[in-house]
Amino acid sequence: MKIEGRLARWLIAFGFRLLQIWARTLRYEIDDRAGIVDRPVIENYIGALWHNRLLIFPLVLRRFFPQRHGAALISASRDGDLLADGVQRFGYDVIRGSSSRLGASAILQLTQVLASGRDVVITPDGPRGPAYELGPGIIFLAQKSGAAVLPMNLEYSHCWRLGSWDRFIVPRPFAKVRVLINRPHRVRPTLTPEEFESERLAVEDAMMELVKMR
């Protein structure tokens, strides 16, 4: 069923409010291996988070990184239309495109955001997966922009798993949320497909280091 117009706007507003209330019941613990929480912004990053951890991530950013601003890459699909509206309600800009197939326009826009001193956030296995498999787009962006990739993850003490391709995770009320931030990973220039694949696997491994719950 296609949801659009006034009904879509109402559902987004209701969901946004419900998520805010829900998130207030959660307890947070942070593992900041990058040393950037509560620090002045001296470098901007390409934040990387697996797609199935996305639900409360905007709230985590606003809670722990109020001094950082930027944009999120959101799928150009119909479902992405609703998600983009929700993300903008949290105060973040939105760039439309696929994390696995970043087109020239999306690459240019994301590079401009990074050049302006702001961060970008990408779910590099979205929007269709496979889950926990890093698409090449984030590597292209890191090489073009020179910005380091910042692997991030959210782990929950109690949660529900949906029946989607990535078994999307919904934290239960009053769960403990562990926010993990790995050290920034700077992607090297590459000349051959083999070198590129080595860099892709290195970033994927840096992200998987943080994952406890598959």
Protein backbone atom coordinates (compact mmCIF):
# COMPACT_ATOMS: atom_id res chain seq x y z
CA MET A 1 0.00 0.00 0.00
CA LYS A 2 1.34 3.37 -0.98
CA ILE A 3 1.24 5.88 1.88
CA GLU A 4 1.61 9.51 0.93
CA GLY A 5 0.21 13.00 1.40
CA ARG A 6 -1.42 14.01 4.66
CA LEU A 7 -1.52 10.46 6.04
CA ALA A 8 2.21 10.00 5.47
CA ARG A 9 3.01 13.30 7.18
CA TRP A 10 0.80 12.36 10.14
CA LEU A 11 2.43 8.94 10.49
CA ILE A 12 5.92 10.49 10.37
CA ALA A 13 5.02 13.07 13.03
CA PHE A 14 3.44 10.39 15.23
CA GLY A 15 6.39 8.04 14.80
CA PHE A 16 8.86 10.83 15.56
CA ARG A 17 7.09 11.66 18.81
CA LEU A 18 6.73 8.00 19.79
CA LEU A 19 10.44 7.40 19.18
CA GLN A 20 11.36 10.36 21.39
CA ILE A 21 9.24 8.98 24.24
CA TRP A 22 10.55 5.45 23.70
CA ALA A 23 14.16 6.61 23.74
CA ARG A 24 13.72 8.27 27.13
CA THR A 25 13.28 4.82 28.70
CA LEU A 26 16.63 3.59 27.38
CA ARG A 27 19.89 3.59 29.36
CA TYR A 28 23.06 4.50 27.52
CA GLU A 29 26.68 3.43 27.85
CA ILE A 30 29.38 4.69 25.50
CA ASP A 31 32.64 3.08 24.39
CA ASP A 32 34.47 5.91 22.64
CA ARG A 33 37.69 4.46 21.23
CA ALA A 34 38.06 7.46 18.91
CA GLY A 35 38.14 9.98 21.77
CA ILE A 36 35.70 12.41 20.15
CA VAL A 37 32.79 12.59 22.61
CA ASP A 38 32.59 16.00 24.33
CA ARG A 39 35.60 17.19 22.34
CA PRO A 40 35.83 20.19 19.98
CA VAL A 41 35.35 19.33 16.32
CA ILE A 42 38.81 19.28 14.75
CA GLU A 43 38.12 16.76 11.97
CA ASN A 44 35.02 15.66 10.11
CA TYR A 45 34.20 12.02 9.37
CA ILE A 46 32.23 9.59 7.25
CA GLY A 47 30.18 7.88 9.97
CA ALA A 48 29.44 4.25 9.11
CA LEU A 49 26.68 2.24 10.80
CA TRP A 50 25.07 -1.06 9.76
CA HIS A 51 21.54 -0.63 8.45
CA ASN A 52 19.82 -2.75 11.11
CA ARG A 53 21.07 -0.44 13.90
CA LEU A 54 19.61 2.71 12.35
CA LEU A 55 16.39 3.23 14.33
CA ILE A 56 17.55 5.36 17.27
CA PHE A 57 20.86 6.49 15.76
CA PRO A 58 19.72 10.09 15.11
CA LEU A 59 18.81 10.36 18.81
CA VAL A 60 22.24 9.00 19.77
CA LEU A 61 23.93 11.58 17.55
CA ARG A 62 21.95 14.40 19.08
CA ARG A 63 22.60 13.14 22.62
CA PHE A 64 26.35 12.52 22.41
CA PHE A 65 27.42 14.77 19.52
CA PRO A 66 25.36 17.97 19.75
CA GLN A 67 28.33 19.98 18.50
CA ARG A 68 28.60 17.98 15.25
CA HIS A 69 26.43 18.63 12.22
CA GLY A 70 26.10 17.01 8.85
CA ALA A 71 24.01 14.98 6.44
CA ALA A 72 22.77 11.42 6.07
CA LEU A 73 22.65 9.41 2.86
CA ILE A 74 19.11 8.07 2.40
CA SER A 75 17.88 5.72 -0.31
CA ALA A 76 16.10 7.31 -3.28
CA SER A 77 13.33 4.70 -2.96
CA ARG A 78 9.73 5.40 -1.91
CA ASP A 79 10.47 4.09 1.59
CA GLY A 80 13.40 6.46 1.67
CA ASP A 81 11.01 9.38 1.21
CA LEU A 82 9.48 8.69 4.62
CA LEU A 83 12.83 8.05 6.28
CA ALA A 84 14.29 11.25 4.82
CA ASP A 85 11.46 13.28 6.33
CA GLY A 86 12.03 11.65 9.71
CA VAL A 87 15.80 12.25 9.64
CA GLN A 88 15.29 15.92 8.81
CA ARG A 89 13.10 16.24 11.90
CA PHE A 90 16.19 15.41 13.96
CA GLY A 91 18.00 18.37 12.41
CA TYR A 92 20.14 16.60 9.82
CA ASP A 93 20.36 17.28 6.12
CA VAL A 94 19.53 14.49 3.69
CA ILE A 95 21.23 13.41 0.48
CA ARG A 96 19.42 10.85 -1.65
CA GLY A 97 21.17 7.87 -3.19
CA SER A 98 22.30 4.28 -2.61
CA SER A 99 25.22 3.42 -0.34
CA SER A 100 26.15 0.54 -2.65
CA ARG A 101 25.92 2.52 -5.90
CA LEU A 102 26.79 6.12 -5.17
CA GLY A 103 26.08 8.11 -8.30
CA ALA A 104 28.11 11.10 -9.39
CA SER A 105 25.57 13.54 -7.98
CA ALA A 106 25.47 11.91 -4.53
CA ILE A 107 29.27 11.63 -4.41
CA LEU A 108 29.57 15.33 -5.28
CA GLN A 109 27.03 16.39 -2.65
CA LEU A 110 28.58 14.24 0.07
CA THR A 111 32.05 15.52 -0.79
CA GLN A 112 30.79 19.10 -0.56
CA VAL A 113 29.31 18.40 2.89
CA LEU A 114 32.64 17.02 4.07
CA ALA A 115 34.56 19.91 2.50
CA SER A 116 32.36 22.34 4.43
CA GLY A 117 33.56 20.84 7.72
CA ARG A 118 30.48 18.74 8.44
CA ASP A 119 30.10 14.97 8.83
CA VAL A 120 28.17 12.50 6.70
CA VAL A 121 26.54 9.25 7.84
CA ILE A 122 26.13 6.18 5.64
CA THR A 123 24.73 2.68 6.20
CA PRO A 124 27.13 0.87 3.86
CA ASP A 125 25.08 -2.34 3.58
CA GLY A 126 21.84 -0.50 2.78
CA PRO A 127 19.29 -0.23 1.41
CA ARG A 128 19.02 -3.90 0.33
CA GLY A 129 22.06 -5.71 1.70
CA PRO A 130 23.43 -8.27 2.08
CA ALA A 131 23.56 -7.47 5.77
CA TYR A 132 27.03 -6.68 7.14
CA GLU A 133 28.54 -6.53 3.65
CA LEU A 134 30.14 -3.18 2.96
CA GLY A 135 29.29 -1.70 -0.43
CA PRO A 136 31.98 0.03 -2.49
CA GLY A 137 30.39 3.48 -2.41
CA ILE A 138 31.80 4.46 0.98
CA ILE A 139 35.32 3.58 -0.21
CA PHE A 140 34.93 5.77 -3.31
CA LEU A 141 33.72 8.63 -1.12
CA ALA A 142 36.58 8.28 1.39
CA GLN A 143 39.14 8.27 -1.40
CA LYS A 144 37.65 11.28 -3.16
CA SER A 145 37.08 13.38 -0.05
CA GLY A 146 40.11 12.35 2.01
CA ALA A 147 37.86 12.02 5.09
CA ALA A 148 38.37 9.09 7.44
CA VAL A 149 35.65 6.50 8.00
CA LEU A 150 34.38 6.37 11.59
CA PRO A 151 32.91 2.90 12.34
CA MET A 152 30.01 3.03 14.80
CA ASN A 153 27.60 0.52 16.28
CA LEU A 154 24.71 0.19 18.72
CA GLU A 155 24.29 -2.94 20.85
CA TYR A 156 21.17 -3.61 22.93
CA SER A 157 20.65 -5.63 26.11
CA HIS A 158 17.09 -6.48 25.02
CA CYS A 159 15.54 -6.07 21.59
CA TRP A 160 13.13 -7.33 18.97
CA ARG A 161 14.29 -8.49 15.52
CA LEU A 162 12.08 -7.82 12.51
CA GLY A 163 11.70 -10.19 9.56
CA SER A 164 13.46 -7.89 7.10
CA TRP A 165 16.54 -8.71 5.01
CA ASP A 166 18.84 -7.39 7.76
CA ARG A 167 16.73 -8.53 10.74
CA PHE A 168 16.22 -4.88 11.69
CA ILE A 169 16.71 -4.30 15.42
CA VAL A 170 14.22 -2.49 17.67
CA PRO A 171 15.36 -1.94 21.28
CA ARG A 172 12.82 -2.88 23.91
CA PRO A 173 11.74 -0.23 26.42
CA PHE A 174 14.21 0.17 29.31
CA ALA A 175 16.96 -1.69 27.43
CA LYS A 176 20.59 -0.67 27.82
CA VAL A 177 22.12 0.75 24.66
CA ARG A 178 25.86 0.42 24.23
CA VAL A 179 27.23 3.01 21.80
CA LEU A 180 30.53 1.86 20.28
CA ILE A 181 32.83 4.08 18.25
CA ASN A 182 35.93 2.59 16.69
CA ARG A 183 39.09 4.47 15.81
CA PRO A 184 38.92 6.46 12.55
CA HIS A 185 40.02 4.46 9.53
CA ARG A 186 41.69 6.34 6.68
CA VAL A 187 41.22 4.67 3.30
CA ARG A 188 44.32 4.57 1.11
CA PRO A 189 44.37 5.36 -2.63
CA THR A 190 44.19 2.27 -4.83
CA LEU A 191 45.30 1.46 -8.36
CA THR A 192 43.99 -2.08 -8.90
CA PRO A 193 40.75 -3.97 -8.11
CA GLU A 194 42.71 -6.11 -5.67
CA GLU A 195 43.94 -3.07 -3.74
CA PHE A 196 40.43 -1.62 -3.71
CA GLU A 197 39.00 -4.88 -2.34
CA SER A 198 41.67 -4.91 0.36
CA GLU A 199 40.60 -1.43 1.49
CA ARG A 200 36.92 -2.42 1.37
CA LEU A 201 37.56 -5.45 3.57
CA ALA A 202 39.65 -3.39 5.99
CA VAL A 203 36.74 -0.99 6.61
CA GLU A 204 34.27 -3.87 6.82
CA ASP A 205 36.47 -5.58 9.41
CA ALA A 206 36.77 -2.34 11.43
CA MET A 207 32.97 -2.16 11.56
CA MET A 208 32.52 -5.84 12.42
CA GLU A 209 34.95 -5.49 15.34
CA LEU A 210 32.15 -3.63 17.10
CA VAL A 211 29.35 -6.12 16.37
CA LYS A 212 28.40 -8.54 19.13
CA MET A 213 24.82 -9.31 18.09
CA ARG A 214 24.60 -10.68 14.52
